[in-house]
PDB file of N, CA and C in Angstrom:
ATOM      1  N   UNK A   1     -66.666 154.734   2.534  1.00  0.00           N
ATOM      2  CA  UNK A   1     -67.231 155.989   2.960  1.00  0.00           C
ATOM      3  C   UNK A   1     -66.103 156.981   3.243  1.00  0.00           C
ATOM      4  N   UNK A   2     -66.288 158.207   2.805  1.00  0.00           N
ATOM      5  CA  UNK A   2     -65.299 159.249   3.004  1.00  0.00           C
ATOM      6  C   UNK A   2     -65.630 160.009   4.282  1.00  0.00           C
ATOM      7  N   UNK A   3     -64.647 160.205   5.146  1.00  0.00           N
ATOM      8  CA  UNK A   3     -64.862 160.925   6.400  1.00  0.00           C
ATOM      9  C   UNK A   3     -64.631 162.421   6.201  1.00  0.00           C
ATOM     10  N   UNK A   4     -65.174 163.216   7.111  1.00  0.00           N
ATOM     11  CA  UNK A   4     -64.959 164.660   7.074  1.00  0.00           C
ATOM     12  C   UNK A   4     -63.471 164.945   7.201  1.00  0.00           C
ATOM     13  N   UNK A   5     -63.010 165.914   6.455  1.00  0.00           N
ATOM     14  CA  UNK A   5     -61.608 166.297   6.454  1.00  0.00           C
ATOM     15  C   UNK A   5     -61.506 167.670   7.101  1.00  0.00           C
ATOM     16  N   UNK A   6     -60.569 167.832   8.028  1.00  0.00           N
ATOM     17  CA  UNK A   6     -60.363 169.131   8.670  1.00  0.00           C
ATOM     18  C   UNK A   6     -59.085 169.750   8.130  1.00  0.00           C
ATOM     19  N   UNK A   7     -59.130 171.075   7.938  1.00  0.00           N
ATOM     20  CA  UNK A   7     -57.919 171.763   7.502  1.00  0.00           C
ATOM     21  C   UNK A   7     -57.061 172.073   8.726  1.00  0.00           C
ATOM     22  N   UNK A   8     -55.937 172.772   8.509  1.00  0.00           N
ATOM     23  CA  UNK A   8     -55.003 173.016   9.608  1.00  0.00           C
ATOM     24  C   UNK A   8     -55.549 173.985  10.653  1.00  0.00           C
ATOM     25  N   UNK A   9     -56.683 174.643  10.379  1.00  0.00           N
ATOM     26  CA  UNK A   9     -57.314 175.525  11.354  1.00  0.00           C
ATOM     27  C   UNK A   9     -58.469 174.829  12.069  1.00  0.00           C
ATOM     28  N   UNK A  10     -58.693 173.567  11.771  1.00  0.00           N
ATOM     29  CA  UNK A  10     -59.739 172.812  12.424  1.00  0.00           C
ATOM     30  C   UNK A  10     -61.106 172.925  11.777  1.00  0.00           C
ATOM     31  N   UNK A  11     -61.201 173.661  10.668  1.00  0.00           N
ATOM     32  CA  UNK A  11     -62.481 173.794   9.972  1.00  0.00           C
ATOM     33  C   UNK A  11     -62.753 172.562   9.136  1.00  0.00           C
ATOM     34  N   UNK A  12     -63.999 172.126   9.125  1.00  0.00           N
ATOM     35  CA  UNK A  12     -64.359 170.978   8.305  1.00  0.00           C
ATOM     36  C   UNK A  12     -64.399 171.409   6.846  1.00  0.00           C
ATOM     37  N   UNK A  13     -63.674 170.687   6.025  1.00  0.00           N
ATOM     38  CA  UNK A  13     -63.586 170.985   4.591  1.00  0.00           C
ATOM     39  C   UNK A  13     -64.706 170.259   3.847  1.00  0.00           C
ATOM     40  N   UNK A  14     -65.019 170.771   2.691  1.00  0.00           N
ATOM     41  CA  UNK A  14     -65.945 170.069   1.816  1.00  0.00           C
ATOM     42  C   UNK A  14     -65.256 168.807   1.323  1.00  0.00           C
ATOM     43  N   UNK A  15     -66.061 167.779   1.038  1.00  0.00           N
ATOM     44  CA  UNK A  15     -65.527 166.512   0.547  1.00  0.00           C
ATOM     45  C   UNK A  15     -66.397 166.007  -0.599  1.00  0.00           C
ATOM     46  N   UNK A  16     -66.003 164.885  -1.155  1.00  0.00           N
ATOM     47  CA  UNK A  16     -66.776 164.237  -2.212  1.00  0.00           C
ATOM     48  C   UNK A  16     -68.232 164.081  -1.799  1.00  0.00           C
ATOM     49  N   UNK A  17     -68.473 163.787  -0.529  1.00  0.00           N
ATOM     50  CA  UNK A  17     -69.829 163.560  -0.049  1.00  0.00           C
ATOM     51  C   UNK A  17     -70.722 164.800  -0.151  1.00  0.00           C
ATOM     52  N   UNK A  18     -70.122 165.975  -0.308  1.00  0.00           N
ATOM     53  CA  UNK A  18     -70.909 167.203  -0.464  1.00  0.00           C
ATOM     54  C   UNK A  18     -71.411 167.403  -1.893  1.00  0.00           C
ATOM     55  N   UNK A  19     -70.903 166.624  -2.831  1.00  0.00           N
ATOM     56  CA  UNK A  19     -71.363 166.721  -4.221  1.00  0.00           C
ATOM     57  C   UNK A  19     -72.761 166.130  -4.345  1.00  0.00           C
ATOM     58  N   UNK A  20     -73.644 166.836  -4.994  1.00  0.00           N
ATOM     59  CA  UNK A  20     -75.021 166.378  -5.209  1.00  0.00           C
ATOM     60  C   UNK A  20     -75.180 166.015  -6.689  1.00  0.00           C
ATOM     61  N   UNK A  21     -75.196 164.727  -6.976  1.00  0.00           N
ATOM     62  CA  UNK A  21     -75.248 164.261  -8.357  1.00  0.00           C
ATOM     63  C   UNK A  21     -76.672 164.272  -8.903  1.00  0.00           C
ATOM     64  N   UNK A  22     -76.774 164.687 -10.160  1.00  0.00           N
ATOM     65  CA  UNK A  22     -78.037 164.684 -10.897  1.00  0.00           C
ATOM     66  C   UNK A  22     -77.794 164.076 -12.265  1.00  0.00           C
ATOM     67  N   UNK A  23     -78.865 163.869 -13.010  1.00  0.00           N
ATOM     68  CA  UNK A  23     -78.719 163.399 -14.385  1.00  0.00           C
ATOM     69  C   UNK A  23     -77.961 164.454 -15.175  1.00  0.00           C
ATOM     70  N   UNK A  24     -77.099 163.997 -16.070  1.00  0.00           N
ATOM     71  CA  UNK A  24     -76.329 164.918 -16.908  1.00  0.00           C
ATOM     72  C   UNK A  24     -77.271 165.693 -17.817  1.00  0.00           C
ATOM     73  N   UNK A  25     -76.966 166.946 -18.078  1.00  0.00           N
ATOM     74  CA  UNK A  25     -77.831 167.795 -18.902  1.00  0.00           C
ATOM     75  C   UNK A  25     -77.805 167.424 -20.383  1.00  0.00           C
ATOM     76  N   UNK A  26     -76.746 166.754 -20.829  1.00  0.00           N
ATOM     77  CA  UNK A  26     -76.588 166.457 -22.248  1.00  0.00           C
ATOM     78  C   UNK A  26     -76.964 165.025 -22.604  1.00  0.00           C
ATOM     79  N   UNK A  27     -76.685 164.090 -21.717  1.00  0.00           N
ATOM     80  CA  UNK A  27     -76.946 162.687 -22.012  1.00  0.00           C
ATOM     81  C   UNK A  27     -77.638 161.998 -20.835  1.00  0.00           C
ATOM     82  N   UNK A  28     -78.517 161.071 -21.143  1.00  0.00           N
ATOM     83  CA  UNK A  28     -79.209 160.301 -20.104  1.00  0.00           C
ATOM     84  C   UNK A  28     -78.320 159.215 -19.523  1.00  0.00           C
ATOM     85  N   UNK A  29     -77.158 158.996 -20.136  1.00  0.00           N
ATOM     86  CA  UNK A  29     -76.285 157.900 -19.725  1.00  0.00           C
ATOM     87  C   UNK A  29     -75.123 158.375 -18.856  1.00  0.00           C
ATOM     88  N   UNK A  30     -75.334 159.511 -18.151  1.00  0.00           N
ATOM     89  CA  UNK A  30     -74.275 160.056 -17.309  1.00  0.00           C
ATOM     90  C   UNK A  30     -74.870 160.852 -16.154  1.00  0.00           C
ATOM     91  N   UNK A  31     -74.004 161.114 -15.172  1.00  0.00           N
ATOM     92  CA  UNK A  31     -74.375 161.927 -14.021  1.00  0.00           C
ATOM     93  C   UNK A  31     -73.401 163.093 -13.911  1.00  0.00           C
ATOM     94  N   UNK A  32     -73.824 164.126 -13.169  1.00  0.00           N
ATOM     95  CA  UNK A  32     -72.973 165.299 -13.013  1.00  0.00           C
ATOM     96  C   UNK A  32     -73.206 165.947 -11.657  1.00  0.00           C
ATOM     97  N   UNK A  33     -72.175 166.656 -11.178  1.00  0.00           N
ATOM     98  CA  UNK A  33     -72.284 167.431  -9.950  1.00  0.00           C
ATOM     99  C   UNK A  33     -71.251 168.550 -10.005  1.00  0.00           C
ATOM    100  N   UNK A  34     -71.556 169.639  -9.328  1.00  0.00           N
ATOM    101  CA  UNK A  34     -70.562 170.695  -9.174  1.00  0.00           C
ATOM    102  C   UNK A  34     -70.690 171.269  -7.775  1.00  0.00           C
ATOM    103  N   UNK A  35     -69.610 171.879  -7.316  1.00  0.00           N
ATOM    104  CA  UNK A  35     -69.552 172.396  -5.960  1.00  0.00           C
ATOM    105  C   UNK A  35     -68.653 173.620  -5.964  1.00  0.00           C
ATOM    106  N   UNK A  36     -69.128 174.712  -5.354  1.00  0.00           N
ATOM    107  CA  UNK A  36     -68.290 175.907  -5.234  1.00  0.00           C
ATOM    108  C   UNK A  36     -67.349 175.700  -4.058  1.00  0.00           C
ATOM    109  N   UNK A  37     -66.037 175.753  -4.336  1.00  0.00           N
ATOM    110  CA  UNK A  37     -65.026 175.495  -3.319  1.00  0.00           C
ATOM    111  C   UNK A  37     -64.638 176.757  -2.559  1.00  0.00           C
ATOM    112  N   UNK A  38     -64.616 177.853  -3.262  1.00  0.00           N
ATOM    113  CA  UNK A  38     -64.415 179.188  -2.703  1.00  0.00           C
ATOM    114  C   UNK A  38     -65.025 180.146  -3.713  1.00  0.00           C
ATOM    115  N   UNK A  39     -65.130 181.419  -3.411  1.00  0.00           N
ATOM    116  CA  UNK A  39     -65.831 182.305  -4.338  1.00  0.00           C
ATOM    117  C   UNK A  39     -65.340 182.170  -5.788  1.00  0.00           C
ATOM    118  N   UNK A  40     -66.266 181.794  -6.657  1.00  0.00           N
ATOM    119  CA  UNK A  40     -66.035 181.676  -8.102  1.00  0.00           C
ATOM    120  C   UNK A  40     -65.053 180.581  -8.505  1.00  0.00           C
ATOM    121  N   UNK A  41     -64.806 179.625  -7.633  1.00  0.00           N
ATOM    122  CA  UNK A  41     -63.973 178.465  -7.965  1.00  0.00           C
ATOM    123  C   UNK A  41     -64.825 177.219  -7.746  1.00  0.00           C
ATOM    124  N   UNK A  42     -64.989 176.439  -8.805  1.00  0.00           N
ATOM    125  CA  UNK A  42     -65.890 175.292  -8.780  1.00  0.00           C
ATOM    126  C   UNK A  42     -65.151 174.016  -9.152  1.00  0.00           C
ATOM    127  N   UNK A  43     -65.633 172.900  -8.615  1.00  0.00           N
ATOM    128  CA  UNK A  43     -65.208 171.587  -9.089  1.00  0.00           C
ATOM    129  C   UNK A  43     -66.407 170.991  -9.822  1.00  0.00           C
ATOM    130  N   UNK A  44     -66.147 170.458 -10.999  1.00  0.00           N
ATOM    131  CA  UNK A  44     -67.166 169.796 -11.802  1.00  0.00           C
ATOM    132  C   UNK A  44     -66.790 168.321 -11.906  1.00  0.00           C
ATOM    133  N   UNK A  45     -67.735 167.448 -11.580  1.00  0.00           N
ATOM    134  CA  UNK A  45     -67.475 166.005 -11.562  1.00  0.00           C
ATOM    135  C   UNK A  45     -68.555 165.316 -12.383  1.00  0.00           C
ATOM    136  N   UNK A  46     -68.121 164.493 -13.346  1.00  0.00           N
ATOM    137  CA  UNK A  46     -69.060 163.749 -14.189  1.00  0.00           C
ATOM    138  C   UNK A  46     -68.614 162.299 -14.297  1.00  0.00           C
ATOM    139  N   UNK A  47     -69.562 161.446 -14.647  1.00  0.00           N
ATOM    140  CA  UNK A  47     -69.260 160.034 -14.930  1.00  0.00           C
ATOM    141  C   UNK A  47     -70.327 159.524 -15.883  1.00  0.00           C
ATOM    142  N   UNK A  48     -69.902 158.694 -16.822  1.00  0.00           N
ATOM    143  CA  UNK A  48     -70.876 158.113 -17.727  1.00  0.00           C
ATOM    144  C   UNK A  48     -70.300 157.810 -19.094  1.00  0.00           C
ATOM    145  N   UNK A  49     -71.203 157.495 -19.988  1.00  0.00           N
ATOM    146  CA  UNK A  49     -70.825 157.074 -21.333  1.00  0.00           C
ATOM    147  C   UNK A  49     -69.997 158.146 -22.040  1.00  0.00           C
ATOM    148  N   UNK A  50     -68.831 157.744 -22.532  1.00  0.00           N
ATOM    149  CA  UNK A  50     -67.958 158.633 -23.278  1.00  0.00           C
ATOM    150  C   UNK A  50     -67.091 159.542 -22.429  1.00  0.00           C
ATOM    151  N   UNK A  51     -67.231 159.469 -21.121  1.00  0.00           N
ATOM    152  CA  UNK A  51     -66.451 160.327 -20.230  1.00  0.00           C
ATOM    153  C   UNK A  51     -65.291 159.542 -19.636  1.00  0.00           C
ATOM    154  N   UNK A  52     -64.298 160.253 -19.161  1.00  0.00           N
ATOM    155  CA  UNK A  52     -63.112 159.617 -18.600  1.00  0.00           C
ATOM    156  C   UNK A  52     -63.425 159.114 -17.190  1.00  0.00           C
ATOM    157  N   UNK A  53     -64.219 158.050 -17.151  1.00  0.00           N
ATOM    158  CA  UNK A  53     -64.709 157.500 -15.887  1.00  0.00           C
ATOM    159  C   UNK A  53     -64.918 155.998 -16.025  1.00  0.00           C
ATOM    160  N   UNK A  54     -65.167 155.363 -14.875  1.00  0.00           N
ATOM    161  CA  UNK A  54     -65.440 153.922 -14.855  1.00  0.00           C
ATOM    162  C   UNK A  54     -66.689 153.675 -14.013  1.00  0.00           C
ATOM    163  N   UNK A  55     -67.579 152.835 -14.542  1.00  0.00           N
ATOM    164  CA  UNK A  55     -68.781 152.456 -13.801  1.00  0.00           C
ATOM    165  C   UNK A  55     -68.858 150.938 -13.742  1.00  0.00           C
ATOM    166  N   UNK A  56     -69.885 150.430 -13.118  1.00  0.00           N
ATOM    167  CA  UNK A  56     -70.074 148.974 -13.065  1.00  0.00           C
ATOM    168  C   UNK A  56     -70.219 148.382 -14.456  1.00  0.00           C
ATOM    169  N   UNK A  57     -70.640 149.210 -15.411  1.00  0.00           N
ATOM    170  CA  UNK A  57     -70.810 148.731 -16.785  1.00  0.00           C
ATOM    171  C   UNK A  57     -69.521 148.789 -17.591  1.00  0.00           C
ATOM    172  N   UNK A  58     -68.468 149.393 -17.023  1.00  0.00           N
ATOM    173  CA  UNK A  58     -67.178 149.409 -17.695  1.00  0.00           C
ATOM    174  C   UNK A  58     -66.578 150.793 -17.819  1.00  0.00           C
ATOM    175  N   UNK A  59     -65.425 150.833 -18.509  1.00  0.00           N
ATOM    176  CA  UNK A  59     -64.702 152.076 -18.738  1.00  0.00           C
ATOM    177  C   UNK A  59     -65.452 152.908 -19.772  1.00  0.00           C
ATOM    178  N   UNK A  60     -65.660 154.184 -19.453  1.00  0.00           N
ATOM    179  CA  UNK A  60     -66.356 155.140 -20.318  1.00  0.00           C
ATOM    180  C   UNK A  60     -67.763 154.663 -20.674  1.00  0.00           C
ATOM    181  N   UNK A  61     -68.356 153.884 -19.772  1.00  0.00           N
ATOM    182  CA  UNK A  61     -69.678 153.297 -20.003  1.00  0.00           C
ATOM    183  C   UNK A  61     -70.745 154.063 -19.223  1.00  0.00           C
ATOM    184  N   UNK A  62     -71.977 153.764 -19.551  1.00  0.00           N
ATOM    185  CA  UNK A  62     -73.132 154.393 -18.908  1.00  0.00           C
ATOM    186  C   UNK A  62     -73.034 154.345 -17.389  1.00  0.00           C
ATOM    187  N   UNK A  63     -73.454 155.448 -16.749  1.00  0.00           N
ATOM    188  CA  UNK A  63     -73.509 155.517 -15.293  1.00  0.00           C
ATOM    189  C   UNK A  63     -74.673 156.429 -14.931  1.00  0.00           C
ATOM    190  N   UNK A  64     -75.660 155.897 -14.242  1.00  0.00           N
ATOM    191  CA  UNK A  64     -76.831 156.700 -13.872  1.00  0.00           C
ATOM    192  C   UNK A  64     -76.972 156.897 -12.367  1.00  0.00           C
ATOM    193  N   UNK A  65     -76.086 156.273 -11.581  1.00  0.00           N
ATOM    194  CA  UNK A  65     -76.100 156.437 -10.122  1.00  0.00           C
ATOM    195  C   UNK A  65     -74.660 156.569  -9.632  1.00  0.00           C
ATOM    196  N   UNK A  66     -74.434 157.494  -8.723  1.00  0.00           N
ATOM    197  CA  UNK A  66     -73.080 157.709  -8.212  1.00  0.00           C
ATOM    198  C   UNK A  66     -72.532 156.446  -7.559  1.00  0.00           C
ATOM    199  N   UNK A  67     -73.394 155.643  -6.964  1.00  0.00           N
ATOM    200  CA  UNK A  67     -72.949 154.409  -6.312  1.00  0.00           C
ATOM    201  C   UNK A  67     -72.323 153.428  -7.310  1.00  0.00           C
ATOM    202  N   UNK A  68     -72.663 153.554  -8.578  1.00  0.00           N
ATOM    203  CA  UNK A  68     -72.146 152.649  -9.607  1.00  0.00           C
ATOM    204  C   UNK A  68     -70.805 153.102 -10.180  1.00  0.00           C
ATOM    205  N   UNK A  69     -70.351 154.288  -9.822  1.00  0.00           N
ATOM    206  CA  UNK A  69     -69.100 154.824 -10.372  1.00  0.00           C
ATOM    207  C   UNK A  69     -67.931 154.546  -9.443  1.00  0.00           C
ATOM    208  N   UNK A  70     -66.818 154.124 -10.038  1.00  0.00           N
ATOM    209  CA  UNK A  70     -65.600 153.944  -9.254  1.00  0.00           C
ATOM    210  C   UNK A  70     -64.564 155.013  -9.575  1.00  0.00           C
ATOM    211  N   UNK A  71     -64.701 155.673 -10.724  1.00  0.00           N
ATOM    212  CA  UNK A  71     -63.831 156.799 -11.051  1.00  0.00           C
ATOM    213  C   UNK A  71     -64.618 157.811 -11.872  1.00  0.00           C
ATOM    214  N   UNK A  72     -64.112 159.046 -11.884  1.00  0.00           N
ATOM    215  CA  UNK A  72     -64.843 160.180 -12.429  1.00  0.00           C
ATOM    216  C   UNK A  72     -63.940 161.068 -13.273  1.00  0.00           C
ATOM    217  N   UNK A  73     -64.566 161.879 -14.129  1.00  0.00           N
ATOM    218  CA  UNK A  73     -63.881 162.935 -14.866  1.00  0.00           C
ATOM    219  C   UNK A  73     -64.101 164.232 -14.095  1.00  0.00           C
ATOM    220  N   UNK A  74     -63.014 164.983 -13.857  1.00  0.00           N
ATOM    221  CA  UNK A  74     -63.086 166.160 -12.985  1.00  0.00           C
ATOM    222  C   UNK A  74     -62.441 167.369 -13.651  1.00  0.00           C
ATOM    223  N   UNK A  75     -63.046 168.532 -13.444  1.00  0.00           N
ATOM    224  CA  UNK A  75     -62.463 169.792 -13.903  1.00  0.00           C
ATOM    225  C   UNK A  75     -62.578 170.809 -12.777  1.00  0.00           C
ATOM    226  N   UNK A  76     -61.585 171.687 -12.697  1.00  0.00           N
ATOM    227  CA  UNK A  76     -61.621 172.824 -11.778  1.00  0.00           C
ATOM    228  C   UNK A  76     -61.836 174.065 -12.634  1.00  0.00           C
ATOM    229  N   UNK A  77     -62.866 174.834 -12.306  1.00  0.00           N
ATOM    230  CA  UNK A  77     -63.175 176.049 -13.046  1.00  0.00           C
ATOM    231  C   UNK A  77     -62.981 177.230 -12.101  1.00  0.00           C
ATOM    232  N   UNK A  78     -62.040 178.098 -12.444  1.00  0.00           N
ATOM    233  CA  UNK A  78     -61.765 179.285 -11.630  1.00  0.00           C
ATOM    234  C   UNK A  78     -62.239 180.502 -12.402  1.00  0.00           C
ATOM    235  N   UNK A  79     -63.433 180.970 -12.089  1.00  0.00           N
ATOM    236  CA  UNK A  79     -64.016 182.104 -12.796  1.00  0.00           C
ATOM    237  C   UNK A  79     -63.334 183.427 -12.444  1.00  0.00           C
ATOM    238  N   UNK A  80     -62.402 183.402 -11.505  1.00  0.00           N
ATOM    239  CA  UNK A  80     -61.633 184.598 -11.174  1.00  0.00           C
ATOM    240  C   UNK A  80     -60.534 184.856 -12.200  1.00  0.00           C
ATOM    241  N   UNK A  81     -60.184 183.850 -12.977  1.00  0.00           N
ATOM    242  CA  UNK A  81     -59.116 183.966 -13.967  1.00  0.00           C
ATOM    243  C   UNK A  81     -59.676 184.335 -15.332  1.00  0.00           C
ATOM    244  N   UNK A  82     -58.904 185.073 -16.127  1.00  0.00           N
ATOM    245  CA  UNK A  82     -59.339 185.319 -17.507  1.00  0.00           C
ATOM    246  C   UNK A  82     -59.290 184.013 -18.302  1.00  0.00           C
ATOM    247  N   UNK A  83     -60.034 183.961 -19.400  1.00  0.00           N
ATOM    248  CA  UNK A  83     -60.115 182.735 -20.207  1.00  0.00           C
ATOM    249  C   UNK A  83     -58.753 182.191 -20.601  1.00  0.00           C
ATOM    250  N   UNK A  84     -57.813 183.056 -20.933  1.00  0.00           N
ATOM    251  CA  UNK A  84     -56.510 182.572 -21.405  1.00  0.00           C
ATOM    252  C   UNK A  84     -55.657 181.977 -20.288  1.00  0.00           C
ATOM    253  N   UNK A  85     -56.093 182.103 -19.039  1.00  0.00           N
ATOM    254  CA  UNK A  85     -55.367 181.505 -17.918  1.00  0.00           C
ATOM    255  C   UNK A  85     -56.098 180.312 -17.316  1.00  0.00           C
ATOM    256  N   UNK A  86     -57.254 179.970 -17.870  1.00  0.00           N
ATOM    257  CA  UNK A  86     -58.028 178.829 -17.370  1.00  0.00           C
ATOM    258  C   UNK A  86     -57.307 177.516 -17.659  1.00  0.00           C
ATOM    259  N   UNK A  87     -57.512 176.550 -16.797  1.00  0.00           N
ATOM    260  CA  UNK A  87     -57.032 175.195 -17.042  1.00  0.00           C
ATOM    261  C   UNK A  87     -58.177 174.444 -17.713  1.00  0.00           C
ATOM    262  N   UNK A  88     -58.074 174.222 -19.014  1.00  0.00           N
ATOM    263  CA  UNK A  88     -59.183 173.630 -19.761  1.00  0.00           C
ATOM    264  C   UNK A  88     -59.124 172.107 -19.801  1.00  0.00           C
ATOM    265  N   UNK A  89     -58.015 171.523 -19.381  1.00  0.00           N
ATOM    266  CA  UNK A  89     -57.900 170.067 -19.382  1.00  0.00           C
ATOM    267  C   UNK A  89     -58.665 169.474 -18.209  1.00  0.00           C
ATOM    268  N   UNK A  90     -59.267 168.304 -18.441  1.00  0.00           N
ATOM    269  CA  UNK A  90     -59.941 167.586 -17.360  1.00  0.00           C
ATOM    270  C   UNK A  90     -59.014 166.509 -16.811  1.00  0.00           C
ATOM    271  N   UNK A  91     -59.293 166.082 -15.603  1.00  0.00           N
ATOM    272  CA  UNK A  91     -58.566 164.977 -14.982  1.00  0.00           C
ATOM    273  C   UNK A  91     -59.467 163.753 -15.055  1.00  0.00           C
ATOM    274  N   UNK A  92     -59.033 162.740 -15.763  1.00  0.00           N
ATOM    275  CA  UNK A  92     -59.830 161.541 -15.913  1.00  0.00           C
ATOM    276  C   UNK A  92     -59.533 160.499 -14.862  1.00  0.00           C
ATOM    277  N   UNK A  93     -60.480 159.608 -14.685  1.00  0.00           N
ATOM    278  CA  UNK A  93     -60.376 158.442 -13.820  1.00  0.00           C
ATOM    279  C   UNK A  93     -59.932 158.787 -12.406  1.00  0.00           C
ATOM    280  N   UNK A  94     -60.555 159.803 -11.828  1.00  0.00           N
ATOM    281  CA  UNK A  94     -60.247 160.231 -10.459  1.00  0.00           C
ATOM    282  C   UNK A  94     -61.129 159.471  -9.475  1.00  0.00           C
ATOM    283  N   UNK A  95     -60.512 158.941  -8.433  1.00  0.00           N
ATOM    284  CA  UNK A  95     -61.262 158.241  -7.387  1.00  0.00           C
ATOM    285  C   UNK A  95     -61.877 159.267  -6.432  1.00  0.00           C
ATOM    286  N   UNK A  96     -62.697 158.798  -5.528  1.00  0.00           N
ATOM    287  CA  UNK A  96     -63.266 159.684  -4.515  1.00  0.00           C
ATOM    288  C   UNK A  96     -62.161 160.339  -3.685  1.00  0.00           C
ATOM    289  N   UNK A  97     -61.128 159.574  -3.363  1.00  0.00           N
ATOM    290  CA  UNK A  97     -60.002 160.111  -2.599  1.00  0.00           C
ATOM    291  C   UNK A  97     -59.238 161.146  -3.414  1.00  0.00           C
ATOM    292  N   UNK A  98     -59.037 160.901  -4.709  1.00  0.00           N
ATOM    293  CA  UNK A  98     -58.379 161.879  -5.587  1.00  0.00           C
ATOM    294  C   UNK A  98     -59.176 163.183  -5.612  1.00  0.00           C
ATOM    295  N   UNK A  99     -60.490 163.055  -5.674  1.00  0.00           N
ATOM    296  CA  UNK A  99     -61.357 164.239  -5.717  1.00  0.00           C
ATOM    297  C   UNK A  99     -61.264 165.002  -4.400  1.00  0.00           C
ATOM    298  N   UNK A 100     -61.197 164.307  -3.284  1.00  0.00           N
ATOM    299  CA  UNK A 100     -61.009 164.996  -2.000  1.00  0.00           C
ATOM    300  C   UNK A 100     -59.705 165.790  -1.985  1.00  0.00           C
ATOM    301  N   UNK A 101     -58.647 165.234  -2.558  1.00  0.00           N
ATOM    302  CA  UNK A 101     -57.364 165.953  -2.630  1.00  0.00           C
ATOM    303  C   UNK A 101     -57.497 167.194  -3.502  1.00  0.00           C
ATOM    304  N   UNK A 102     -58.202 167.085  -4.635  1.00  0.00           N
ATOM    305  CA  UNK A 102     -58.411 168.239  -5.504  1.00  0.00           C
ATOM    306  C   UNK A 102     -59.244 169.308  -4.797  1.00  0.00           C
ATOM    307  N   UNK A 103     -60.223 168.889  -4.012  1.00  0.00           N
ATOM    308  CA  UNK A 103     -61.024 169.847  -3.259  1.00  0.00           C
ATOM    309  C   UNK A 103     -60.151 170.601  -2.271  1.00  0.00           C
ATOM    310  N   UNK A 104     -59.287 169.892  -1.559  1.00  0.00           N
ATOM    311  CA  UNK A 104     -58.398 170.535  -0.586  1.00  0.00           C
ATOM    312  C   UNK A 104     -57.461 171.499  -1.290  1.00  0.00           C
ATOM    313  N   UNK A 105     -56.842 171.064  -2.391  1.00  0.00           N
ATOM    314  CA  UNK A 105     -55.870 171.886  -3.113  1.00  0.00           C
ATOM    315  C   UNK A 105     -56.489 173.165  -3.670  1.00  0.00           C
ATOM    316  N   UNK A 106     -57.783 173.126  -3.967  1.00  0.00           N
ATOM    317  CA  UNK A 106     -58.417 174.269  -4.624  1.00  0.00           C
ATOM    318  C   UNK A 106     -59.378 175.053  -3.725  1.00  0.00           C
ATOM    319  N   UNK A 107     -59.379 174.722  -2.437  1.00  0.00           N
ATOM    320  CA  UNK A 107     -60.255 175.440  -1.486  1.00  0.00           C
ATOM    321  C   UNK A 107     -59.520 176.587  -0.834  1.00  0.00           C
TER     322      UNK A 107
END
C-alpha cells in the first residue's frame, strides 16, 4: 500500500492511489488511468497486452485489474508545451513507487 506523500510545504501530494483505472478504450485486455498533476499536465498510466507492463499473466500480457499489475507503462503529457517540445517517449515497467516519483517530479 502506498502512503500519502507530503511536499516540502506540508501539502498532501497526489499518489498512485489517486489514479482511477478503467478498461482501456482500445483493447479489452488492458487498463488505463490518467490524472491531472497541475494545469494541463497529465500522467497517463496503462497496463496490459502489448504494453510495457507486467501482470500476473506475464510480461506485456493481459491485465484487466490494477491489482494484477506489478509494473505499468507511463507517459507525461504537458499540454502547455508545443508539439515539437513534447516528450513522446513512454516509460515502461514502472512500479507504483516509480509512478509516485514521476507524480512528484511533474507536480
